[in-house]
Amino acid sequence: MPKLKTNSGAAKRFKRTASGGFKHRQSHHRHILTKKNAKRKRLLGGTLMVDDSDVAGLRRLLPYS
């Protein structure tokens, strides 16, 4: 069976955690920041865990991570 290719777009956006989950950064923190309050911008700066319903699809996109 041939080797599987890693989806390069997904590899840039998601990282595997030590416990087997995936983490990702949040959107809406690049531009048009003047209308967003400080609390919203501060919370958008962190990372989140990918939802359980999306993990199976990510495992297909990132087979070796």
PDB file of N, CA and C in Angstrom:
ATOM      1  N   MET A   1       0.849  -1.183   0.000  1.00  0.00           N
ATOM      2  CA  MET A   1       0.000   0.000   0.000  1.00  0.00           C
ATOM      3  C   MET A   1       0.892   1.243   0.000  1.00  0.00           C
ATOM      4  N   PRO A   2       0.570   2.260  -0.825  1.00  0.00           N
ATOM      5  CA  PRO A   2       1.424   3.445  -0.887  1.00  0.00           C
ATOM      6  C   PRO A   2       1.307   4.290   0.375  1.00  0.00           C
ATOM      7  N   LYS A   3       2.290   5.141   0.540  1.00  0.00           N
ATOM      8  CA  LYS A   3       2.257   6.068   1.660  1.00  0.00           C
ATOM      9  C   LYS A   3       1.133   7.075   1.456  1.00  0.00           C
ATOM     10  N   LEU A   4       0.580   7.568   2.554  1.00  0.00           N
ATOM     11  CA  LEU A   4      -0.473   8.575   2.498  1.00  0.00           C
ATOM     12  C   LEU A   4       0.152   9.957   2.566  1.00  0.00           C
ATOM     13  N   LYS A   5      -0.416  10.883   1.809  1.00  0.00           N
ATOM     14  CA  LYS A   5       0.078  12.254   1.846  1.00  0.00           C
ATOM     15  C   LYS A   5      -0.631  13.030   2.949  1.00  0.00           C
ATOM     16  N   THR A   6       0.127  13.836   3.665  1.00  0.00           N
ATOM     17  CA  THR A   6      -0.436  14.739   4.664  1.00  0.00           C
ATOM     18  C   THR A   6      -1.018  15.947   3.947  1.00  0.00           C
ATOM     19  N   ASN A   7      -2.202  16.365   4.323  1.00  0.00           N
ATOM     20  CA  ASN A   7      -2.803  17.571   3.771  1.00  0.00           C
ATOM     21  C   ASN A   7      -2.039  18.774   4.324  1.00  0.00           C
ATOM     22  N   SER A   8      -1.335  19.498   3.448  1.00  0.00           N
ATOM     23  CA  SER A   8      -0.441  20.556   3.922  1.00  0.00           C
ATOM     24  C   SER A   8      -1.203  21.727   4.532  1.00  0.00           C
ATOM     25  N   GLY A   9      -2.421  22.000   4.041  1.00  0.00           N
ATOM     26  CA  GLY A   9      -3.213  23.076   4.628  1.00  0.00           C
ATOM     27  C   GLY A   9      -3.621  22.762   6.053  1.00  0.00           C
ATOM     28  N   ALA A  10      -4.005  21.516   6.295  1.00  0.00           N
ATOM     29  CA  ALA A  10      -4.394  21.113   7.644  1.00  0.00           C
ATOM     30  C   ALA A  10      -3.182  21.054   8.566  1.00  0.00           C
ATOM     31  N   ALA A  11      -2.027  20.673   8.029  1.00  0.00           N
ATOM     32  CA  ALA A  11      -0.821  20.574   8.852  1.00  0.00           C
ATOM     33  C   ALA A  11      -0.407  21.936   9.398  1.00  0.00           C
ATOM     34  N   LYS A  12      -0.706  22.995   8.651  1.00  0.00           N
ATOM     35  CA  LYS A  12      -0.363  24.342   9.107  1.00  0.00           C
ATOM     36  C   LYS A  12      -1.325  24.853  10.171  1.00  0.00           C
ATOM     37  N   ARG A  13      -2.525  24.300  10.228  1.00  0.00           N
ATOM     38  CA  ARG A  13      -3.567  24.849  11.092  1.00  0.00           C
ATOM     39  C   ARG A  13      -3.851  24.042  12.347  1.00  0.00           C
ATOM     40  N   PHE A  14      -3.495  22.775  12.358  1.00  0.00           N
ATOM     41  CA  PHE A  14      -3.813  21.911  13.484  1.00  0.00           C
ATOM     42  C   PHE A  14      -2.566  21.199  13.983  1.00  0.00           C
ATOM     43  N   LYS A  15      -2.470  21.010  15.298  1.00  0.00           N
ATOM     44  CA  LYS A  15      -1.361  20.280  15.904  1.00  0.00           C
ATOM     45  C   LYS A  15      -1.937  19.199  16.802  1.00  0.00           C
ATOM     46  N   ARG A  16      -1.277  18.051  16.822  1.00  0.00           N
ATOM     47  CA  ARG A  16      -1.707  16.937  17.653  1.00  0.00           C
ATOM     48  C   ARG A  16      -1.193  17.158  19.070  1.00  0.00           C
ATOM     49  N   THR A  17      -2.032  16.883  20.064  1.00  0.00           N
ATOM     50  CA  THR A  17      -1.624  16.994  21.458  1.00  0.00           C
ATOM     51  C   THR A  17      -1.090  15.649  21.941  1.00  0.00           C
ATOM     52  N   ALA A  18      -0.485  15.645  23.095  1.00  0.00           N
ATOM     53  CA  ALA A  18       0.103  14.412  23.627  1.00  0.00           C
ATOM     54  C   ALA A  18      -0.958  13.369  23.944  1.00  0.00           C
ATOM     55  N   SER A  19      -2.169  13.812  24.257  1.00  0.00           N
ATOM     56  CA  SER A  19      -3.230  12.864  24.591  1.00  0.00           C
ATOM     57  C   SER A  19      -4.004  12.386  23.367  1.00  0.00           C
ATOM     58  N   GLY A  20      -3.600  12.837  22.161  1.00  0.00           N
ATOM     59  CA  GLY A  20      -4.226  12.350  20.938  1.00  0.00           C
ATOM     60  C   GLY A  20      -5.267  13.260  20.344  1.00  0.00           C
ATOM     61  N   GLY A  21      -5.549  14.390  20.974  1.00  0.00           N
ATOM     62  CA  GLY A  21      -6.513  15.331  20.410  1.00  0.00           C
ATOM     63  C   GLY A  21      -5.837  16.292  19.454  1.00  0.00           C
ATOM     64  N   PHE A  22      -6.573  17.277  18.991  1.00  0.00           N
ATOM     65  CA  PHE A  22      -6.026  18.295  18.104  1.00  0.00           C
ATOM     66  C   PHE A  22      -6.353  19.664  18.659  1.00  0.00           C
ATOM     67  N   LYS A  23      -5.412  20.588  18.534  1.00  0.00           N
ATOM     68  CA  LYS A  23      -5.647  21.959  18.953  1.00  0.00           C
ATOM     69  C   LYS A  23      -5.551  22.867  17.730  1.00  0.00           C
ATOM     70  N   HIS A  24      -6.205  24.030  17.811  1.00  0.00           N
ATOM     71  CA  HIS A  24      -6.203  24.976  16.704  1.00  0.00           C
ATOM     72  C   HIS A  24      -6.300  26.390  17.247  1.00  0.00           C
ATOM     73  N   ARG A  25      -5.868  27.329  16.420  1.00  0.00           N
ATOM     74  CA  ARG A  25      -5.994  28.738  16.778  1.00  0.00           C
ATOM     75  C   ARG A  25      -7.370  29.243  16.379  1.00  0.00           C
ATOM     76  N   GLN A  26      -7.747  30.380  16.927  1.00  0.00           N
ATOM     77  CA  GLN A  26      -9.075  30.932  16.638  1.00  0.00           C
ATOM     78  C   GLN A  26      -9.003  31.962  15.517  1.00  0.00           C
ATOM     79  N   SER A  27     -10.108  32.128  14.835  1.00  0.00           N
ATOM     80  CA  SER A  27     -10.189  33.091  13.738  1.00  0.00           C
ATOM     81  C   SER A  27     -10.633  34.459  14.264  1.00  0.00           C
ATOM     82  N   HIS A  28     -10.713  35.425  13.369  1.00  0.00           N
ATOM     83  CA  HIS A  28     -11.192  36.791  13.648  1.00  0.00           C
ATOM     84  C   HIS A  28     -10.236  37.582  14.539  1.00  0.00           C
ATOM     85  N   HIS A  29      -8.942  37.322  14.469  1.00  0.00           N
ATOM     86  CA  HIS A  29      -7.993  38.069  15.300  1.00  0.00           C
ATOM     87  C   HIS A  29      -6.897  38.698  14.441  1.00  0.00           C
ATOM     88  N   ARG A  30      -7.170  38.926  13.145  1.00  0.00           N
ATOM     89  CA  ARG A  30      -6.159  39.454  12.238  1.00  0.00           C
ATOM     90  C   ARG A  30      -6.355  40.933  11.919  1.00  0.00           C
ATOM     91  N   HIS A  31      -7.569  41.318  11.617  1.00  0.00           N
ATOM     92  CA  HIS A  31      -7.814  42.700  11.195  1.00  0.00           C
ATOM     93  C   HIS A  31      -9.206  43.114  11.647  1.00  0.00           C
ATOM     94  N   ILE A  32      -9.519  44.389  11.431  1.00  0.00           N
ATOM     95  CA  ILE A  32     -10.761  45.010  11.918  1.00  0.00           C
ATOM     96  C   ILE A  32     -10.887  44.783  13.432  1.00  0.00           C
ATOM     97  N   LEU A  33      -9.843  45.143  14.132  1.00  0.00           N
ATOM     98  CA  LEU A  33      -9.811  44.916  15.578  1.00  0.00           C
ATOM     99  C   LEU A  33     -10.332  46.107  16.372  1.00  0.00           C
ATOM    100  N   THR A  34     -10.541  47.226  15.720  1.00  0.00           N
ATOM    101  CA  THR A  34     -10.939  48.423  16.478  1.00  0.00           C
ATOM    102  C   THR A  34     -12.349  48.294  17.031  1.00  0.00           C
ATOM    103  N   LYS A  35     -13.233  47.575  16.357  1.00  0.00           N
ATOM    104  CA  LYS A  35     -14.609  47.452  16.838  1.00  0.00           C
ATOM    105  C   LYS A  35     -14.784  46.326  17.850  1.00  0.00           C
ATOM    106  N   LYS A  36     -13.742  45.524  18.063  1.00  0.00           N
ATOM    107  CA  LYS A  36     -13.837  44.413  19.015  1.00  0.00           C
ATOM    108  C   LYS A  36     -13.298  44.878  20.367  1.00  0.00           C
ATOM    109  N   ASN A  37     -13.992  44.524  21.438  1.00  0.00           N
ATOM    110  CA  ASN A  37     -13.531  44.974  22.743  1.00  0.00           C
ATOM    111  C   ASN A  37     -12.331  44.159  23.221  1.00  0.00           C
ATOM    112  N   ALA A  38     -11.679  44.641  24.255  1.00  0.00           N
ATOM    113  CA  ALA A  38     -10.419  44.058  24.708  1.00  0.00           C
ATOM    114  C   ALA A  38     -10.592  42.617  25.180  1.00  0.00           C
ATOM    115  N   LYS A  39     -11.691  42.335  25.840  1.00  0.00           N
ATOM    116  CA  LYS A  39     -11.921  40.970  26.329  1.00  0.00           C
ATOM    117  C   LYS A  39     -12.051  39.992  25.168  1.00  0.00           C
ATOM    118  N   ARG A  40     -12.785  40.393  24.137  1.00  0.00           N
ATOM    119  CA  ARG A  40     -12.966  39.516  22.980  1.00  0.00           C
ATOM    120  C   ARG A  40     -11.641  39.256  22.283  1.00  0.00           C
ATOM    121  N   LYS A  41     -10.811  40.299  22.108  1.00  0.00           N
ATOM    122  CA  LYS A  41      -9.514  40.124  21.454  1.00  0.00           C
ATOM    123  C   LYS A  41      -8.587  39.262  22.292  1.00  0.00           C
ATOM    124  N   ARG A  42      -8.644  39.430  23.600  1.00  0.00           N
ATOM    125  CA  ARG A  42      -7.792  38.638  24.492  1.00  0.00           C
ATOM    126  C   ARG A  42      -8.163  37.164  24.415  1.00  0.00           C
ATOM    127  N   LEU A  43      -9.442  36.850  24.399  1.00  0.00           N
ATOM    128  CA  LEU A  43      -9.874  35.461  24.337  1.00  0.00           C
ATOM    129  C   LEU A  43      -9.617  34.833  22.970  1.00  0.00           C
ATOM    130  N   LEU A  44      -9.625  35.637  21.915  1.00  0.00           N
ATOM    131  CA  LEU A  44      -9.353  35.110  20.581  1.00  0.00           C
ATOM    132  C   LEU A  44      -7.878  34.770  20.393  1.00  0.00           C
ATOM    133  N   GLY A  45      -7.017  35.264  21.272  1.00  0.00           N
ATOM    134  CA  GLY A  45      -5.588  35.026  21.126  1.00  0.00           C
ATOM    135  C   GLY A  45      -5.161  33.619  21.501  1.00  0.00           C
ATOM    136  N   GLY A  46      -5.994  32.895  22.203  1.00  0.00           N
ATOM    137  CA  GLY A  46      -5.601  31.574  22.676  1.00  0.00           C
ATOM    138  C   GLY A  46      -5.897  30.469  21.683  1.00  0.00           C
ATOM    139  N   THR A  47      -5.724  29.236  22.129  1.00  0.00           N
ATOM    140  CA  THR A  47      -6.005  28.076  21.299  1.00  0.00           C
ATOM    141  C   THR A  47      -7.176  27.299  21.893  1.00  0.00           C
ATOM    142  N   LEU A  48      -7.819  26.517  21.042  1.00  0.00           N
ATOM    143  CA  LEU A  48      -8.943  25.683  21.453  1.00  0.00           C
ATOM    144  C   LEU A  48      -8.713  24.254  20.999  1.00  0.00           C
ATOM    145  N   MET A  49      -9.450  23.342  21.590  1.00  0.00           N
ATOM    146  CA  MET A  49      -9.414  21.952  21.156  1.00  0.00           C
ATOM    147  C   MET A  49     -10.442  21.763  20.051  1.00  0.00           C
ATOM    148  N   VAL A  50     -10.118  20.931  19.078  1.00  0.00           N
ATOM    149  CA  VAL A  50     -11.045  20.607  18.002  1.00  0.00           C
ATOM    150  C   VAL A  50     -12.181  19.766  18.577  1.00  0.00           C
ATOM    151  N   ASP A  51     -13.381  20.004  18.107  1.00  0.00           N
ATOM    152  CA  ASP A  51     -14.538  19.270  18.582  1.00  0.00           C
ATOM    153  C   ASP A  51     -14.423  17.785  18.251  1.00  0.00           C
ATOM    154  N   ASP A  52     -14.989  16.950  19.112  1.00  0.00           N
ATOM    155  CA  ASP A  52     -14.886  15.501  18.939  1.00  0.00           C
ATOM    156  C   ASP A  52     -15.457  15.025  17.610  1.00  0.00           C
ATOM    157  N   SER A  53     -16.475  15.698  17.098  1.00  0.00           N
ATOM    158  CA  SER A  53     -17.087  15.270  15.840  1.00  0.00           C
ATOM    159  C   SER A  53     -16.182  15.515  14.639  1.00  0.00           C
ATOM    160  N   ASP A  54     -15.166  16.364  14.781  1.00  0.00           N
ATOM    161  CA  ASP A  54     -14.266  16.674  13.669  1.00  0.00           C
ATOM    162  C   ASP A  54     -12.944  15.915  13.729  1.00  0.00           C
ATOM    163  N   VAL A  55     -12.693  15.198  14.805  1.00  0.00           N
ATOM    164  CA  VAL A  55     -11.398  14.544  14.987  1.00  0.00           C
ATOM    165  C   VAL A  55     -11.179  13.434  13.963  1.00  0.00           C
ATOM    166  N   ALA A  56     -12.218  12.670  13.630  1.00  0.00           N
ATOM    167  CA  ALA A  56     -12.063  11.574  12.668  1.00  0.00           C
ATOM    168  C   ALA A  56     -11.628  12.104  11.308  1.00  0.00           C
ATOM    169  N   GLY A  57     -12.192  13.210  10.873  1.00  0.00           N
ATOM    170  CA  GLY A  57     -11.793  13.806   9.602  1.00  0.00           C
ATOM    171  C   GLY A  57     -10.373  14.318   9.626  1.00  0.00           C
ATOM    172  N   LEU A  58      -9.955  14.882  10.757  1.00  0.00           N
ATOM    173  CA  LEU A  58      -8.581  15.374  10.869  1.00  0.00           C
ATOM    174  C   LEU A  58      -7.576  14.237  10.868  1.00  0.00           C
ATOM    175  N   ARG A  59      -7.936  13.097  11.414  1.00  0.00           N
ATOM    176  CA  ARG A  59      -7.028  11.957  11.389  1.00  0.00           C
ATOM    177  C   ARG A  59      -6.775  11.497   9.954  1.00  0.00           C
ATOM    178  N   ARG A  60      -7.779  11.640   9.099  1.00  0.00           N
ATOM    179  CA  ARG A  60      -7.573  11.302   7.684  1.00  0.00           C
ATOM    180  C   ARG A  60      -6.659  12.315   6.990  1.00  0.00           C
ATOM    181  N   LEU A  61      -6.796  13.591   7.354  1.00  0.00           N
ATOM    182  CA  LEU A  61      -5.979  14.627   6.732  1.00  0.00           C
ATOM    183  C   LEU A  61      -4.547  14.603   7.233  1.00  0.00           C
ATOM    184  N   LEU A  62      -4.349  14.193   8.485  1.00  0.00           N
ATOM    185  CA  LEU A  62      -3.011  14.190   9.101  1.00  0.00           C
ATOM    186  C   LEU A  62      -2.678  12.776   9.560  1.00  0.00           C
ATOM    187  N   PRO A  63      -2.387  11.859   8.642  1.00  0.00           N
ATOM    188  CA  PRO A  63      -2.246  10.454   9.008  1.00  0.00           C
ATOM    189  C   PRO A  63      -1.019  10.150   9.877  1.00  0.00           C
ATOM    190  N   TYR A  64       0.029  10.948   9.809  1.00  0.00           N
ATOM    191  CA  TYR A  64       1.264  10.618  10.524  1.00  0.00           C
ATOM    192  C   TYR A  64       1.543  11.518  11.705  1.00  0.00           C
ATOM    193  N   SER A  65       0.590  12.375  12.068  1.00  0.00           N
ATOM    194  CA  SER A  65       0.833  13.274  13.202  1.00  0.00           C
ATOM    195  C   SER A  65       0.370  12.644  14.490  1.00  0.00           C
TER     196      SER A  65
END
